[in-house]
Structures are given as C-alpha cells and as structure tokens.
C-alpha cells in the first residue's frame, strides 16, 4: 500500500461509528468532571474511567441517571461525609447504570435495604454492581 492509502485507512479506523461507546477519563479527585460525565450520559453507552485508586468526593444531594452509564472504578473510592440526604444516586426508569471495581462510602444513617433502595441508591431502571463495596461512614 502507498503512504496515502495507509493514511486514509488510519483516518477511517479512528472515526467513531454511530452507536459506539464514549470513554471519559476522570482525573483523580475531579468530582466535578465525574458528575458532569454521569449527567451527560445518553442512550449510547458512556464508560467513565476513574483514576487507579483515586478518591472522589460526592457533593451534597442526589444525581439522576437517565442515560446508559458505566463507571469503571479502578479500585477508586467515592465518599461524601457531609451528604445531608440518604440518596446519592437515582437511576430513572430509562436509565442504565453499571458500577465496577469501586468502593462507595455510604453517606446516610438509613437502613441498608428499603424496597428498591440500597442506602444511597434508588433504582427504577437497570443497575449492575460488579466488585463494588459499600461502607457506612
């Protein structure tokens, strides 16, 4: 192949295809970027990659997931000792949320399971937990 042909082929391989998943890398401690990435989720899968063994502080209040969001935690911790609500996350009926390899420090003094609540999570859509630890602080 000629150089021009290789350049064109490489360019075509780098163009995202419709329906392809988005990847958002969130630097250690950048809680604003984490929340923005969760909020920006659409019907197309969005994978949020947290820093390895990072730490993120969840602000006071809950966020609603309406899109298709995967958080790859890389053994990071999300915590928020000053949260004044029993819920940090609500997955709506149309929302899809997957949490992987993550530690979540519970923010409430509420019960562990109440209906479809898990302390700080309310799920009305689809939620999958893979290697996720919850701890009440």
N, C-alpha and C. Protein backbone atom coordinates (compact mmCIF):
# COMPACT_ATOMS: atom_id res chain seq x y z
N UNK A 1 0.83 -1.19 0.00
CA UNK A 1 0.00 0.00 0.00
C UNK A 1 0.87 1.24 0.00
N UNK A 2 0.35 2.24 -0.63
CA UNK A 2 1.06 3.51 -0.65
C UNK A 2 0.81 4.25 0.65
N UNK A 3 1.66 5.22 0.95
CA UNK A 3 1.54 6.01 2.17
C UNK A 3 0.20 6.72 2.25
N UNK A 4 -0.25 7.26 1.13
CA UNK A 4 -1.54 7.97 1.09
C UNK A 4 -2.68 7.03 1.46
N UNK A 5 -2.63 5.78 0.94
CA UNK A 5 -3.66 4.80 1.25
C UNK A 5 -3.64 4.42 2.73
N UNK A 6 -2.45 4.28 3.29
CA UNK A 6 -2.33 3.94 4.72
C UNK A 6 -2.87 5.07 5.59
N UNK A 7 -2.59 6.31 5.20
CA UNK A 7 -3.09 7.46 5.96
C UNK A 7 -4.61 7.49 5.95
N UNK A 8 -5.21 7.25 4.79
CA UNK A 8 -6.67 7.23 4.68
C UNK A 8 -7.25 6.09 5.51
N UNK A 9 -6.64 4.91 5.45
CA UNK A 9 -7.11 3.78 6.23
C UNK A 9 -7.04 4.08 7.72
N UNK A 10 -5.95 4.66 8.18
CA UNK A 10 -5.80 5.01 9.59
C UNK A 10 -6.85 6.02 10.01
N UNK A 11 -7.13 7.00 9.17
CA UNK A 11 -8.15 8.00 9.48
C UNK A 11 -9.52 7.37 9.60
N UNK A 12 -9.84 6.44 8.72
CA UNK A 12 -11.13 5.76 8.79
C UNK A 12 -11.28 4.93 10.04
N UNK A 13 -10.21 4.31 10.49
CA UNK A 13 -10.27 3.50 11.70
C UNK A 13 -10.46 4.34 12.95
N UNK A 14 -10.07 5.60 12.92
CA UNK A 14 -10.18 6.47 14.08
C UNK A 14 -11.51 7.22 14.16
N UNK A 15 -12.31 7.17 13.10
CA UNK A 15 -13.60 7.85 13.11
C UNK A 15 -14.58 7.02 13.91
N UNK A 16 -15.22 7.63 14.95
CA UNK A 16 -16.17 6.85 15.73
C UNK A 16 -17.38 6.47 14.89
N UNK A 17 -17.84 5.27 15.08
CA UNK A 17 -19.03 4.78 14.37
C UNK A 17 -20.27 5.15 15.17
N UNK A 18 -21.38 5.39 14.47
CA UNK A 18 -22.63 5.63 15.20
C UNK A 18 -22.92 4.44 16.10
N UNK A 19 -23.36 4.72 17.30
CA UNK A 19 -23.66 3.65 18.25
C UNK A 19 -22.47 3.16 19.04
N UNK A 20 -21.29 3.74 18.80
CA UNK A 20 -20.11 3.31 19.55
C UNK A 20 -20.10 3.98 20.93
N UNK A 21 -19.50 3.31 21.88
CA UNK A 21 -19.47 3.81 23.25
C UNK A 21 -18.47 4.95 23.40
N UNK A 22 -18.83 5.91 24.24
CA UNK A 22 -17.92 7.01 24.57
C UNK A 22 -17.10 6.61 25.79
N UNK A 23 -15.87 7.09 25.86
CA UNK A 23 -15.00 6.85 27.00
C UNK A 23 -14.57 8.19 27.56
N UNK A 24 -14.82 8.38 28.87
CA UNK A 24 -14.46 9.63 29.54
C UNK A 24 -13.53 9.28 30.69
N UNK A 25 -12.29 9.75 30.63
CA UNK A 25 -11.33 9.54 31.72
C UNK A 25 -11.44 10.70 32.70
N UNK A 26 -11.61 10.38 33.98
CA UNK A 26 -11.77 11.41 35.01
C UNK A 26 -10.54 11.38 35.92
N UNK A 27 -9.79 12.50 35.98
CA UNK A 27 -8.59 12.55 36.83
C UNK A 27 -8.92 12.37 38.31
N UNK A 28 -7.94 11.91 39.05
CA UNK A 28 -8.09 11.70 40.49
C UNK A 28 -8.59 12.97 41.17
N UNK A 29 -9.66 12.84 41.93
CA UNK A 29 -10.17 13.95 42.72
C UNK A 29 -11.05 14.94 41.97
N UNK A 30 -11.23 14.78 40.68
CA UNK A 30 -12.03 15.73 39.90
C UNK A 30 -13.51 15.33 39.95
N UNK A 31 -14.12 15.61 41.09
CA UNK A 31 -15.51 15.23 41.32
C UNK A 31 -16.46 15.95 40.38
N UNK A 32 -16.15 17.20 40.03
CA UNK A 32 -16.99 17.94 39.09
C UNK A 32 -17.04 17.24 37.73
N UNK A 33 -15.89 16.77 37.26
CA UNK A 33 -15.83 16.06 35.98
C UNK A 33 -16.60 14.74 36.05
N UNK A 34 -16.52 14.06 37.19
CA UNK A 34 -17.26 12.81 37.37
C UNK A 34 -18.76 13.06 37.28
N UNK A 35 -19.25 14.06 38.00
CA UNK A 35 -20.68 14.37 37.98
C UNK A 35 -21.13 14.82 36.59
N UNK A 36 -20.30 15.62 35.92
CA UNK A 36 -20.64 16.07 34.57
C UNK A 36 -20.73 14.89 33.61
N UNK A 37 -19.82 13.94 33.73
CA UNK A 37 -19.83 12.77 32.85
C UNK A 37 -21.06 11.91 33.10
N UNK A 38 -21.45 11.75 34.36
CA UNK A 38 -22.66 10.98 34.68
C UNK A 38 -23.89 11.69 34.11
N UNK A 39 -23.96 12.98 34.31
CA UNK A 39 -25.12 13.76 33.85
C UNK A 39 -25.21 13.81 32.33
N UNK A 40 -24.08 13.73 31.64
CA UNK A 40 -24.06 13.82 30.19
C UNK A 40 -24.40 12.50 29.50
N UNK A 41 -24.61 11.45 30.27
CA UNK A 41 -24.91 10.15 29.69
C UNK A 41 -26.13 10.20 28.78
N UNK A 42 -26.05 9.46 27.67
CA UNK A 42 -27.15 9.40 26.70
C UNK A 42 -27.61 7.95 26.58
N UNK A 43 -28.43 7.68 25.58
CA UNK A 43 -28.86 6.30 25.34
C UNK A 43 -27.71 5.42 24.87
N UNK A 44 -26.70 6.03 24.25
CA UNK A 44 -25.50 5.29 23.84
C UNK A 44 -24.63 5.07 25.09
N UNK A 45 -23.98 3.93 25.19
CA UNK A 45 -23.16 3.66 26.37
C UNK A 45 -22.04 4.69 26.56
N UNK A 46 -21.89 5.17 27.78
CA UNK A 46 -20.78 6.05 28.15
C UNK A 46 -20.02 5.36 29.27
N UNK A 47 -18.73 5.10 29.06
CA UNK A 47 -17.90 4.49 30.09
C UNK A 47 -17.05 5.58 30.72
N UNK A 48 -17.16 5.69 32.03
CA UNK A 48 -16.39 6.67 32.80
C UNK A 48 -15.27 5.91 33.49
N UNK A 49 -14.04 6.26 33.17
CA UNK A 49 -12.86 5.59 33.71
C UNK A 49 -12.25 6.46 34.80
N UNK A 50 -12.31 5.97 36.03
CA UNK A 50 -11.73 6.71 37.15
C UNK A 50 -10.24 6.38 37.28
N UNK A 51 -9.51 7.28 37.92
CA UNK A 51 -8.07 7.09 38.13
C UNK A 51 -7.85 5.88 39.04
N UNK A 52 -6.78 5.16 38.80
CA UNK A 52 -6.47 3.99 39.62
C UNK A 52 -6.28 4.40 41.09
N UNK A 53 -7.07 3.77 41.97
CA UNK A 53 -7.04 4.03 43.41
C UNK A 53 -7.27 5.51 43.74
N UNK A 54 -8.08 6.17 42.92
CA UNK A 54 -8.37 7.58 43.14
C UNK A 54 -9.40 7.80 44.24
N UNK A 55 -9.65 9.06 44.56
CA UNK A 55 -10.64 9.41 45.57
C UNK A 55 -11.47 10.57 45.05
N UNK A 56 -12.79 10.42 45.14
CA UNK A 56 -13.73 11.42 44.64
C UNK A 56 -14.72 11.74 45.75
N UNK A 57 -14.97 13.02 45.95
CA UNK A 57 -15.91 13.46 46.97
C UNK A 57 -17.24 13.78 46.32
N UNK A 58 -18.28 13.11 46.78
CA UNK A 58 -19.63 13.34 46.25
C UNK A 58 -20.22 14.55 46.95
N UNK A 59 -20.79 15.49 46.21
CA UNK A 59 -21.36 16.68 46.84
C UNK A 59 -22.69 16.35 47.53
N UNK A 60 -23.20 17.27 48.28
CA UNK A 60 -24.48 17.09 48.94
C UNK A 60 -25.58 17.07 47.88
N UNK A 61 -26.44 16.08 47.96
CA UNK A 61 -27.55 15.99 47.02
C UNK A 61 -27.42 14.79 46.09
N UNK A 62 -28.54 14.44 45.48
CA UNK A 62 -28.58 13.27 44.60
C UNK A 62 -28.51 13.69 43.14
N UNK A 63 -28.03 12.78 42.31
CA UNK A 63 -27.99 12.99 40.87
C UNK A 63 -28.82 11.87 40.23
N UNK A 64 -29.53 12.21 39.15
CA UNK A 64 -30.36 11.23 38.46
C UNK A 64 -29.66 10.77 37.20
N UNK A 65 -29.63 9.45 37.00
CA UNK A 65 -29.05 8.86 35.80
C UNK A 65 -30.19 8.53 34.84
N UNK A 66 -30.19 9.21 33.70
CA UNK A 66 -31.19 8.97 32.67
C UNK A 66 -30.60 8.22 31.47
N UNK A 67 -29.27 8.20 31.37
CA UNK A 67 -28.60 7.60 30.22
C UNK A 67 -28.09 6.20 30.52
N UNK A 68 -27.15 5.76 29.70
CA UNK A 68 -26.53 4.45 29.79
C UNK A 68 -25.08 4.68 30.24
N UNK A 69 -24.81 4.51 31.52
CA UNK A 69 -23.52 4.89 32.11
C UNK A 69 -22.85 3.70 32.79
N UNK A 70 -21.57 3.52 32.48
CA UNK A 70 -20.74 2.52 33.15
C UNK A 70 -19.62 3.28 33.84
N UNK A 71 -19.44 3.04 35.13
CA UNK A 71 -18.30 3.63 35.84
C UNK A 71 -17.32 2.50 36.16
N UNK A 72 -16.14 2.57 35.52
CA UNK A 72 -15.04 1.64 35.81
C UNK A 72 -14.20 2.32 36.88
N UNK A 73 -14.32 1.82 38.11
CA UNK A 73 -13.72 2.48 39.26
C UNK A 73 -12.22 2.34 39.41
N UNK A 74 -11.61 1.29 38.85
CA UNK A 74 -10.16 1.10 39.01
C UNK A 74 -9.75 1.12 40.48
N UNK A 75 -10.58 0.54 41.33
CA UNK A 75 -10.33 0.48 42.78
C UNK A 75 -10.30 1.86 43.44
N UNK A 76 -11.07 2.79 42.89
CA UNK A 76 -11.21 4.12 43.48
C UNK A 76 -12.29 4.12 44.56
N UNK A 77 -12.34 5.22 45.30
CA UNK A 77 -13.34 5.41 46.35
C UNK A 77 -14.14 6.68 46.06
N UNK A 78 -15.46 6.57 46.18
CA UNK A 78 -16.33 7.74 46.14
C UNK A 78 -16.90 7.88 47.54
N UNK A 79 -16.71 9.04 48.14
CA UNK A 79 -17.20 9.25 49.50
C UNK A 79 -17.75 10.66 49.64
N UNK A 80 -18.47 10.86 50.73
CA UNK A 80 -19.03 12.18 50.99
C UNK A 80 -19.60 12.28 52.38
N UNK A 81 -18.76 12.55 53.33
CA UNK A 81 -19.16 12.57 54.73
C UNK A 81 -20.17 13.65 55.05
N UNK A 82 -20.26 14.71 54.23
CA UNK A 82 -21.16 15.81 54.54
C UNK A 82 -22.47 15.73 53.79
N UNK A 83 -22.76 14.59 53.17
CA UNK A 83 -24.00 14.46 52.42
C UNK A 83 -25.18 14.53 53.38
N UNK A 84 -26.14 15.39 53.10
CA UNK A 84 -27.28 15.53 54.01
C UNK A 84 -28.55 14.91 53.45
N UNK A 85 -28.38 13.97 52.55
CA UNK A 85 -29.52 13.22 52.03
C UNK A 85 -29.20 11.74 52.13
N UNK A 86 -30.22 10.92 52.15
CA UNK A 86 -29.97 9.49 52.24
C UNK A 86 -29.70 8.89 50.87
N UNK A 87 -29.71 9.69 49.82
CA UNK A 87 -29.53 9.16 48.48
C UNK A 87 -28.49 9.98 47.72
N UNK A 88 -27.57 9.28 47.05
CA UNK A 88 -26.63 9.98 46.19
C UNK A 88 -26.97 9.80 44.73
N UNK A 89 -27.71 8.75 44.41
CA UNK A 89 -27.90 8.38 43.02
C UNK A 89 -29.29 7.80 42.82
N UNK A 90 -29.98 8.28 41.79
CA UNK A 90 -31.26 7.71 41.39
C UNK A 90 -31.14 7.31 39.92
N UNK A 91 -31.40 6.05 39.64
CA UNK A 91 -31.42 5.57 38.26
C UNK A 91 -32.88 5.61 37.81
N UNK A 92 -33.17 6.43 36.79
CA UNK A 92 -34.55 6.59 36.33
C UNK A 92 -35.01 5.34 35.58
N UNK A 93 -36.29 5.30 35.24
CA UNK A 93 -36.85 4.16 34.52
C UNK A 93 -36.14 3.91 33.19
N UNK A 94 -35.67 4.96 32.54
CA UNK A 94 -34.96 4.78 31.27
C UNK A 94 -33.44 4.68 31.47
N UNK A 95 -32.97 4.83 32.70
CA UNK A 95 -31.54 4.82 32.97
C UNK A 95 -30.95 3.42 33.09
N UNK A 96 -29.66 3.33 32.77
CA UNK A 96 -28.88 2.10 32.92
C UNK A 96 -27.57 2.48 33.57
N UNK A 97 -27.23 1.80 34.66
CA UNK A 97 -26.01 2.15 35.40
C UNK A 97 -25.28 0.87 35.77
N UNK A 98 -23.97 0.86 35.49
CA UNK A 98 -23.11 -0.25 35.88
C UNK A 98 -21.96 0.36 36.69
N UNK A 99 -21.74 -0.16 37.88
CA UNK A 99 -20.60 0.23 38.71
C UNK A 99 -19.67 -0.96 38.81
N UNK A 100 -18.37 -0.74 38.54
CA UNK A 100 -17.38 -1.82 38.57
C UNK A 100 -16.16 -1.38 39.39
N UNK A 101 -15.64 -2.32 40.16
CA UNK A 101 -14.34 -2.13 40.83
C UNK A 101 -14.27 -0.80 41.56
N UNK A 102 -15.20 -0.62 42.47
CA UNK A 102 -15.38 0.67 43.12
C UNK A 102 -15.73 0.47 44.58
N UNK A 103 -15.31 1.40 45.40
CA UNK A 103 -15.70 1.42 46.81
C UNK A 103 -16.52 2.69 47.02
N UNK A 104 -17.70 2.53 47.60
CA UNK A 104 -18.59 3.65 47.86
C UNK A 104 -18.78 3.75 49.36
N UNK A 105 -18.42 4.88 49.91
CA UNK A 105 -18.60 5.10 51.34
C UNK A 105 -19.98 5.69 51.55
N UNK A 106 -20.81 4.96 52.28
CA UNK A 106 -22.20 5.35 52.47
C UNK A 106 -22.30 6.63 53.27
N UNK A 107 -23.24 7.44 52.88
CA UNK A 107 -23.37 8.77 53.43
C UNK A 107 -24.52 8.90 54.41
N UNK A 108 -25.34 7.89 54.55
CA UNK A 108 -26.56 8.05 55.34
C UNK A 108 -26.54 7.17 56.56
N UNK A 109 -27.46 7.48 57.46
CA UNK A 109 -27.65 6.61 58.62
C UNK A 109 -28.89 5.76 58.42
N UNK A 110 -29.40 5.70 57.19
CA UNK A 110 -30.60 4.93 56.87
C UNK A 110 -30.32 3.45 56.83
N UNK A 111 -31.36 2.67 56.62
CA UNK A 111 -31.23 1.23 56.55
C UNK A 111 -30.53 0.79 55.28
N UNK A 112 -30.11 -0.45 55.28
CA UNK A 112 -29.40 -0.98 54.12
C UNK A 112 -30.35 -1.19 52.96
N UNK A 113 -31.44 -1.88 53.17
CA UNK A 113 -32.39 -2.15 52.10
C UNK A 113 -33.78 -1.65 52.50
N UNK A 114 -34.35 -0.82 51.67
CA UNK A 114 -35.73 -0.37 51.85
C UNK A 114 -36.39 -0.40 50.48
N UNK A 115 -37.20 -1.41 50.20
CA UNK A 115 -37.80 -1.53 48.88
C UNK A 115 -36.70 -1.70 47.85
N UNK A 116 -36.65 -0.80 46.88
CA UNK A 116 -35.59 -0.88 45.89
C UNK A 116 -34.49 0.15 46.18
N UNK A 117 -34.32 0.48 47.44
CA UNK A 117 -33.26 1.38 47.87
C UNK A 117 -32.11 0.57 48.44
N UNK A 118 -30.91 1.01 48.20
CA UNK A 118 -29.74 0.47 48.89
C UNK A 118 -29.06 1.65 49.53
N UNK A 119 -29.54 2.03 50.71
CA UNK A 119 -28.98 3.19 51.40
C UNK A 119 -29.05 4.43 50.55
N UNK A 120 -28.01 4.67 49.75
CA UNK A 120 -27.95 5.92 48.98
C UNK A 120 -28.31 5.75 47.51
N UNK A 121 -28.77 4.58 47.09
CA UNK A 121 -29.09 4.34 45.69
C UNK A 121 -30.56 3.98 45.54
N UNK A 122 -31.24 4.66 44.62
CA UNK A 122 -32.61 4.32 44.27
C UNK A 122 -32.63 3.91 42.81
N UNK A 123 -33.12 2.72 42.52
CA UNK A 123 -33.07 2.18 41.17
C UNK A 123 -34.47 1.91 40.63
N UNK A 124 -34.81 2.61 39.54
CA UNK A 124 -36.08 2.37 38.84
C UNK A 124 -35.82 1.82 37.45
N UNK A 125 -34.55 1.72 37.06
CA UNK A 125 -34.18 1.26 35.72
C UNK A 125 -33.39 -0.03 35.80
N UNK A 126 -32.15 0.03 35.32
CA UNK A 126 -31.28 -1.13 35.32
C UNK A 126 -29.98 -0.75 36.04
N UNK A 127 -29.60 -1.56 37.01
CA UNK A 127 -28.35 -1.29 37.73
C UNK A 127 -27.62 -2.60 37.97
N UNK A 128 -26.32 -2.59 37.66
CA UNK A 128 -25.47 -3.76 37.86
C UNK A 128 -24.29 -3.33 38.72
N UNK A 129 -23.96 -4.14 39.72
CA UNK A 129 -22.80 -3.89 40.58
C UNK A 129 -21.83 -5.05 40.40
N UNK A 130 -20.58 -4.73 40.04
CA UNK A 130 -19.53 -5.73 39.88
C UNK A 130 -18.34 -5.32 40.73
N UNK A 131 -18.03 -6.10 41.74
CA UNK A 131 -16.90 -5.81 42.65
C UNK A 131 -17.02 -4.40 43.23
N UNK A 132 -18.18 -4.12 43.83
CA UNK A 132 -18.44 -2.83 44.45
C UNK A 132 -18.64 -3.07 45.94
N UNK A 133 -17.92 -2.30 46.75
CA UNK A 133 -18.06 -2.39 48.20
C UNK A 133 -18.74 -1.14 48.73
N UNK A 134 -19.66 -1.33 49.67
CA UNK A 134 -20.35 -0.21 50.33
C UNK A 134 -19.95 -0.21 51.80
N UNK A 135 -19.71 0.98 52.31
CA UNK A 135 -19.33 1.11 53.72
C UNK A 135 -19.98 2.37 54.26
N UNK A 136 -20.63 2.24 55.40
CA UNK A 136 -21.22 3.41 56.04
C UNK A 136 -20.18 4.14 56.84
N UNK A 137 -20.11 5.47 56.62
CA UNK A 137 -19.12 6.25 57.37
C UNK A 137 -19.83 7.17 58.34
